[in-house]
N, C-alpha and C. Protein backbone atom coordinates (compact mmCIF):
# COMPACT_ATOMS: atom_id res chain seq x y z
N MET A 1 145.74 -129.27 10.58
CA MET A 1 144.12 -129.41 11.33
C MET A 1 144.27 -129.02 12.98
N SER A 2 143.71 -127.48 13.13
CA SER A 2 143.53 -127.60 14.53
C SER A 2 142.72 -128.44 15.46
N VAL A 3 142.88 -128.62 16.84
CA VAL A 3 141.93 -129.35 17.79
C VAL A 3 141.95 -127.81 18.66
N LYS A 4 140.32 -127.73 19.00
CA LYS A 4 140.24 -126.61 20.24
C LYS A 4 140.27 -126.99 21.36
N SER A 5 140.59 -125.97 22.28
CA SER A 5 140.88 -126.75 23.82
C SER A 5 139.73 -127.30 24.32
N PRO A 6 139.74 -127.86 25.23
CA PRO A 6 138.09 -128.60 25.68
C PRO A 6 137.30 -126.99 26.95
N ASN A 7 138.37 -126.02 26.84
CA ASN A 7 137.95 -125.03 27.89
C ASN A 7 137.57 -123.36 26.78
N TRP A 8 137.62 -123.37 25.69
CA TRP A 8 136.77 -123.00 24.64
C TRP A 8 135.48 -122.50 24.90
N SER A 9 135.00 -121.30 24.99
CA SER A 9 133.91 -120.70 25.22
C SER A 9 132.59 -121.38 24.59
N GLY A 10 132.70 -121.96 23.80
CA GLY A 10 131.60 -123.02 23.15
C GLY A 10 131.89 -124.53 23.32
N ASP A 11 132.37 -124.90 24.53
CA ASP A 11 132.43 -126.49 24.56
C ASP A 11 131.01 -127.13 24.46
N CYS A 12 131.58 -128.31 24.40
CA CYS A 12 129.91 -128.99 24.31
C CYS A 12 128.84 -129.22 25.49
N ARG A 13 129.68 -129.08 26.51
CA ARG A 13 129.06 -128.93 27.76
C ARG A 13 127.78 -127.74 28.18
N SER A 14 128.35 -126.30 27.46
CA SER A 14 127.32 -125.50 27.27
C SER A 14 126.32 -125.70 26.58
N HIS A 15 126.71 -126.16 25.76
CA HIS A 15 125.90 -126.86 24.06
C HIS A 15 125.00 -127.67 24.98
N THR A 16 125.83 -128.63 25.58
CA THR A 16 124.46 -129.77 26.32
C THR A 16 123.44 -129.33 27.23
N ALA A 17 124.06 -128.45 27.65
CA ALA A 17 123.13 -127.82 28.63
C ALA A 17 121.95 -127.06 28.34
N ARG A 18 122.41 -126.05 27.41
CA ARG A 18 121.31 -125.03 26.40
C ARG A 18 120.52 -125.98 25.51
N ALA A 19 120.70 -126.97 25.25
CA ALA A 19 119.66 -128.35 24.30
C ALA A 19 118.67 -128.41 25.33
N LYS A 20 119.01 -128.55 26.67
CA LYS A 20 117.97 -128.77 27.70
C LYS A 20 117.01 -128.05 28.19
N HIS A 21 117.10 -126.87 27.79
CA HIS A 21 115.99 -125.85 27.98
C HIS A 21 115.17 -125.23 26.85
N ILE A 22 114.80 -126.39 26.20
CA ILE A 22 113.88 -125.83 24.99
C ILE A 22 112.40 -125.34 25.40
N ASN A 23 112.40 -124.24 24.66
CA ASN A 23 110.85 -123.95 24.82
C ASN A 23 109.59 -124.49 24.37
N HIS A 24 108.92 -125.03 25.12
CA HIS A 24 107.72 -125.82 24.72
C HIS A 24 106.26 -124.84 24.56
N LEU A 25 106.79 -123.94 25.19
CA LEU A 25 105.18 -122.78 25.61
C LEU A 25 104.31 -122.64 24.12
N GLY A 26 103.30 -122.92 23.96
CA GLY A 26 102.76 -123.11 22.35
C GLY A 26 102.82 -124.37 21.95
N ASN A 27 103.52 -124.96 22.52
CA ASN A 27 103.26 -126.51 21.82
C ASN A 27 101.82 -127.44 22.17
N PRO A 28 100.85 -127.69 21.58
CA PRO A 28 99.73 -128.10 22.25
C PRO A 28 99.81 -129.71 22.96
N LEU A 29 100.78 -130.07 22.41
CA LEU A 29 101.05 -131.60 22.37
C LEU A 29 101.97 -131.54 24.16
N TRP A 30 103.10 -130.94 23.99
CA TRP A 30 103.65 -130.26 25.55
C TRP A 30 102.82 -130.34 26.66
N GLU A 31 102.00 -129.33 26.28
CA GLU A 31 101.09 -128.36 27.23
C GLU A 31 100.00 -129.50 27.57
N TYR A 32 99.27 -130.60 26.86
CA TYR A 32 98.09 -131.48 26.89
C TYR A 32 99.22 -132.44 28.23
N ARG A 33 100.44 -132.68 27.53
CA ARG A 33 101.17 -134.05 28.27
C ARG A 33 101.55 -133.49 29.78
N VAL A 34 101.54 -132.46 29.94
CA VAL A 34 102.22 -132.04 31.28
C VAL A 34 100.81 -131.60 31.95
N SER A 35 100.22 -130.79 31.47
CA SER A 35 99.21 -130.30 32.26
C SER A 35 98.56 -131.94 33.09
N HIS A 36 98.66 -132.85 32.08
CA HIS A 36 97.73 -134.26 32.74
C HIS A 36 98.77 -135.07 33.51
N GLY A 37 99.88 -134.75 33.53
CA GLY A 37 101.12 -135.30 34.65
C GLY A 37 101.57 -136.88 33.63
N LEU A 38 101.65 -136.39 32.58
CA LEU A 38 101.95 -138.08 31.59
C LEU A 38 103.51 -137.63 31.45
N THR A 39 104.05 -139.11 31.16
CA THR A 39 105.51 -138.83 30.46
C THR A 39 105.08 -139.09 29.10
N GLN A 40 106.44 -138.76 28.54
CA GLN A 40 106.24 -139.03 26.99
C GLN A 40 106.04 -140.69 26.76
N ARG A 41 106.35 -141.80 27.50
CA ARG A 41 106.02 -142.64 27.03
C ARG A 41 104.34 -143.44 27.50
N ASP A 42 104.25 -142.51 28.67
CA ASP A 42 102.65 -142.66 28.79
C ASP A 42 101.79 -142.18 27.87
N LEU A 43 102.26 -141.04 27.21
CA LEU A 43 101.36 -140.05 26.27
C LEU A 43 101.11 -141.23 24.82
N ALA A 44 102.76 -141.71 24.48
CA ALA A 44 102.64 -142.16 23.82
C ALA A 44 101.74 -143.99 23.16
N GLU A 45 101.94 -144.15 24.46
CA GLU A 45 101.27 -145.44 24.75
C GLU A 45 99.53 -145.51 24.64
N GLU A 46 99.42 -144.21 24.99
CA GLU A 46 97.85 -143.77 24.67
C GLU A 46 97.33 -143.69 23.22
N ILE A 47 98.12 -142.68 22.78
CA ILE A 47 97.82 -142.20 21.30
C ILE A 47 98.42 -143.54 20.20
N TYR A 48 98.93 -144.37 20.64
CA TYR A 48 99.50 -145.69 19.58
C TYR A 48 100.81 -145.19 18.76
N ILE A 49 101.56 -144.43 19.51
CA ILE A 49 102.66 -143.88 18.44
C ILE A 49 104.08 -144.12 19.41
N SER A 50 105.14 -143.85 18.75
CA SER A 50 106.14 -144.12 19.63
C SER A 50 106.47 -142.91 20.20
N GLN A 51 107.42 -143.23 21.44
CA GLN A 51 107.72 -141.93 22.68
C GLN A 51 109.04 -140.98 21.66
N GLN A 52 109.72 -141.52 20.71
CA GLN A 52 110.34 -140.33 20.02
C GLN A 52 109.43 -139.63 18.83
N CYS A 53 108.32 -139.97 18.17
CA CYS A 53 107.38 -139.34 17.83
C CYS A 53 107.41 -137.99 18.65
N ILE A 54 106.61 -138.83 19.76
CA ILE A 54 106.37 -137.41 20.73
C ILE A 54 107.36 -136.35 21.24
N SER A 55 108.48 -136.87 21.37
CA SER A 55 109.47 -136.29 21.75
C SER A 55 109.98 -135.36 20.42
N ASP A 56 109.67 -135.90 19.10
CA ASP A 56 110.38 -135.23 18.10
C ASP A 56 109.24 -133.89 17.67
N MET A 57 108.33 -134.05 18.24
CA MET A 57 106.72 -133.34 17.92
C MET A 57 106.75 -132.04 18.83
N GLU A 58 107.34 -132.78 20.20
CA GLU A 58 107.35 -131.69 21.46
C GLU A 58 108.64 -130.80 20.87
N ARG A 59 109.87 -130.81 20.42
CA ARG A 59 110.72 -130.12 20.11
C ARG A 59 110.71 -129.50 18.77
N GLY A 60 109.74 -129.76 17.73
CA GLY A 60 109.92 -129.29 16.69
C GLY A 60 110.68 -129.31 15.86
N ARG A 61 110.99 -130.59 16.11
CA ARG A 61 111.99 -131.76 14.86
C ARG A 61 111.03 -132.20 14.23
N ALA A 62 109.79 -132.31 14.08
CA ALA A 62 108.60 -133.10 13.47
C ALA A 62 107.44 -132.27 13.36
N LYS A 63 106.78 -132.01 12.64
CA LYS A 63 105.24 -131.21 12.55
C LYS A 63 104.26 -132.03 13.38
N ILE A 64 103.25 -131.95 13.90
CA ILE A 64 102.33 -132.52 14.84
C ILE A 64 101.62 -132.64 13.76
N SER A 65 101.70 -134.36 13.50
CA SER A 65 100.95 -135.23 13.05
C SER A 65 99.15 -134.73 12.54
N LYS A 66 98.51 -135.16 12.12
CA LYS A 66 97.13 -135.05 11.15
C LYS A 66 96.37 -135.81 12.60
N TYR A 67 97.20 -136.94 12.56
CA TYR A 67 96.17 -138.00 13.39
C TYR A 67 96.66 -137.38 14.83
N VAL A 68 97.72 -136.60 15.49
CA VAL A 68 97.71 -136.52 16.72
C VAL A 68 97.00 -135.21 16.62
N ARG A 69 96.67 -133.83 15.83
CA ARG A 69 95.95 -133.01 15.71
C ARG A 69 94.46 -133.57 16.30
N GLY A 70 94.27 -134.41 15.35
CA GLY A 70 92.67 -134.98 15.59
C GLY A 70 92.67 -135.50 17.24
N TRP A 71 93.68 -136.30 17.31
CA TRP A 71 93.58 -136.61 18.78
C TRP A 71 93.40 -136.02 19.78
N LEU A 72 94.23 -134.51 19.87
CA LEU A 72 94.03 -133.52 20.76
C LEU A 72 92.73 -132.99 20.70
N GLN A 73 92.40 -132.38 19.25
CA GLN A 73 91.12 -132.11 19.40
C GLN A 73 89.94 -132.50 19.58
N GLU A 74 89.85 -133.99 19.80
CA GLU A 74 88.92 -134.88 20.56
C GLU A 74 88.72 -134.19 21.71
N ARG A 75 89.94 -134.22 22.39
CA ARG A 75 90.26 -133.75 23.72
C ARG A 75 89.89 -132.37 24.06
N GLY A 76 89.66 -131.61 23.24
CA GLY A 76 89.09 -130.37 23.27
C GLY A 76 90.19 -128.95 23.53
N VAL A 77 91.38 -129.78 22.94
CA VAL A 77 92.65 -129.25 22.98
C VAL A 77 92.84 -128.03 21.43
N ALA A 78 93.01 -127.10 21.77
CA ALA A 78 93.13 -126.37 20.33
C ALA A 78 94.46 -126.33 19.61
N VAL A 79 94.09 -126.53 18.57
CA VAL A 79 95.67 -126.49 18.11
C VAL A 79 95.70 -126.40 16.62
C-alpha cells in the first residue's frame, strides 16, 4: 500500500479550498437568503427547519422541499 506525499498536486488543501467556492447562482433559496441579509441559521428559524437542511438545499445535496418551495412562492420568489 503506497502513501502519497502531502505535496502531490491533489492534496486535501486544494480540495478544501475548491469546496468552499460552490456556485449558488440559480438557487432561489440561496438568492433569497443573501438578498435579505440572512444567515442560514436565521432563515432556518424563520422557515422552521434545521440549518443543515438549508445548507444541503443550497449546496445541491438535497432538493428544495415542497414546503420550502411553497414558502418561497408565498414571498414572490420564482422557484
